[in-house]
Amino acid sequence: MAQPAFLSSLRSRLRSPQPQAPLPHLQPRRGFHVELGAREKALLEEDVALKRFKSYKSSVKQVSKTGNVLTGVVLCACAYEIYMRAVSS
């Protein structure tokens, strides 16, 4: 049984994909890498005067946990107060 021409061309296209151009939205917006100048390198260096203002990850994490615990305690206290007022009245 002979197959129609469009089916054979469709099958051949599906079997051997042609190289496609990369999608424009997946290409990086910046062009080639350009070496940093002296000013940019100076701005990226660590500044000793600002070192004391640097936040350290562990201390920030500890303060965040403490804040979360205190928030939980306040919520529990509020829920207890609401419960006690509902029960007593």
Protein backbone atom coordinates (compact mmCIF):
# COMPACT_ATOMS: atom_id res chain seq x y z
CA MET A 1 0.00 0.00 0.00
CA ALA A 2 1.51 3.35 -1.01
CA GLN A 3 1.65 6.17 1.50
CA PRO A 4 0.75 9.73 0.62
CA ALA A 5 3.69 12.05 -0.02
CA PHE A 6 2.90 14.38 2.88
CA LEU A 7 3.10 11.51 5.40
CA SER A 8 6.52 10.40 4.23
CA SER A 9 7.85 13.97 4.32
CA LEU A 10 6.36 14.45 7.78
CA ARG A 11 8.01 11.26 9.06
CA SER A 12 11.37 12.25 7.61
CA ARG A 13 11.16 15.64 9.32
CA LEU A 14 10.33 14.03 12.65
CA ARG A 15 13.17 11.50 12.36
CA SER A 16 15.95 13.94 11.51
CA PRO A 17 15.50 17.26 13.27
CA GLN A 18 17.16 20.20 11.61
CA PRO A 19 19.41 22.42 13.72
CA GLN A 20 17.29 25.25 15.02
CA ALA A 21 18.42 28.74 15.86
CA PRO A 22 18.55 29.44 19.61
CA LEU A 23 15.55 31.22 21.01
CA PRO A 24 16.15 34.96 21.40
CA HIS A 25 14.77 35.12 24.95
CA LEU A 26 17.27 32.48 26.13
CA GLN A 27 20.32 34.35 24.93
CA PRO A 28 22.16 36.51 27.45
CA ARG A 29 21.46 40.21 27.19
CA ARG A 30 25.05 41.22 27.83
CA GLY A 31 27.48 40.80 25.03
CA PHE A 32 31.02 39.62 25.41
CA HIS A 33 32.83 39.86 28.72
CA VAL A 34 34.63 43.16 29.16
CA GLU A 35 37.52 43.40 31.61
CA LEU A 36 36.86 45.69 34.59
CA GLY A 37 38.61 49.02 34.69
CA ALA A 38 40.66 50.44 37.55
CA ARG A 39 37.67 52.31 39.03
CA GLU A 40 35.44 49.23 39.05
CA LYS A 41 38.17 47.13 40.65
CA ALA A 42 38.69 49.78 43.33
CA LEU A 43 34.96 49.88 44.06
CA LEU A 44 34.81 46.09 44.42
CA GLU A 45 37.70 45.88 46.88
CA GLU A 46 36.89 45.32 50.55
CA ASP A 47 36.77 48.56 52.53
CA VAL A 48 38.25 48.35 56.03
CA ALA A 49 36.23 51.34 57.27
CA LEU A 50 32.95 49.57 56.43
CA LYS A 51 33.94 46.21 57.90
CA ARG A 52 32.38 46.91 61.31
CA PHE A 53 28.97 47.49 59.68
CA LYS A 54 29.03 44.12 57.92
CA SER A 55 26.20 41.84 59.01
CA TYR A 56 27.30 38.32 59.70
CA LYS A 57 25.10 35.50 58.50
CA SER A 58 25.08 33.51 61.74
CA SER A 59 24.13 36.49 63.93
CA VAL A 60 21.39 37.53 61.51
CA LYS A 61 20.05 33.98 61.53
CA GLN A 62 20.07 33.91 65.34
CA VAL A 63 18.21 37.22 65.61
CA SER A 64 15.68 35.98 63.06
CA LYS A 65 15.05 32.80 65.08
CA THR A 66 14.69 34.81 68.29
CA GLY A 67 12.16 37.08 66.61
CA ASN A 68 10.20 34.07 65.35
CA VAL A 69 10.09 32.56 68.87
CA LEU A 70 8.93 35.84 70.42
CA THR A 71 6.22 36.17 67.79
CA GLY A 72 5.01 32.67 68.62
CA VAL A 73 4.95 33.43 72.35
CA VAL A 74 2.91 36.61 71.79
CA LEU A 75 0.44 34.76 69.57
CA CYS A 76 0.00 32.01 72.16
CA ALA A 77 -0.55 34.60 74.91
CA CYS A 78 -3.17 36.38 72.80
CA ALA A 79 -4.93 33.10 72.03
CA TYR A 80 -4.90 32.19 75.74
CA GLU A 81 -6.39 35.57 76.70
CA ILE A 82 -9.14 35.22 74.11
CA TYR A 83 -9.87 31.68 75.33
CA MET A 84 -10.01 32.74 78.98
CA ARG A 85 -12.38 35.62 78.24
CA ALA A 86 -14.63 33.33 76.20
CA VAL A 87 -14.73 30.68 78.91
CA SER A 88 -15.29 33.10 81.82
CA SER A 89 -18.18 34.91 80.20
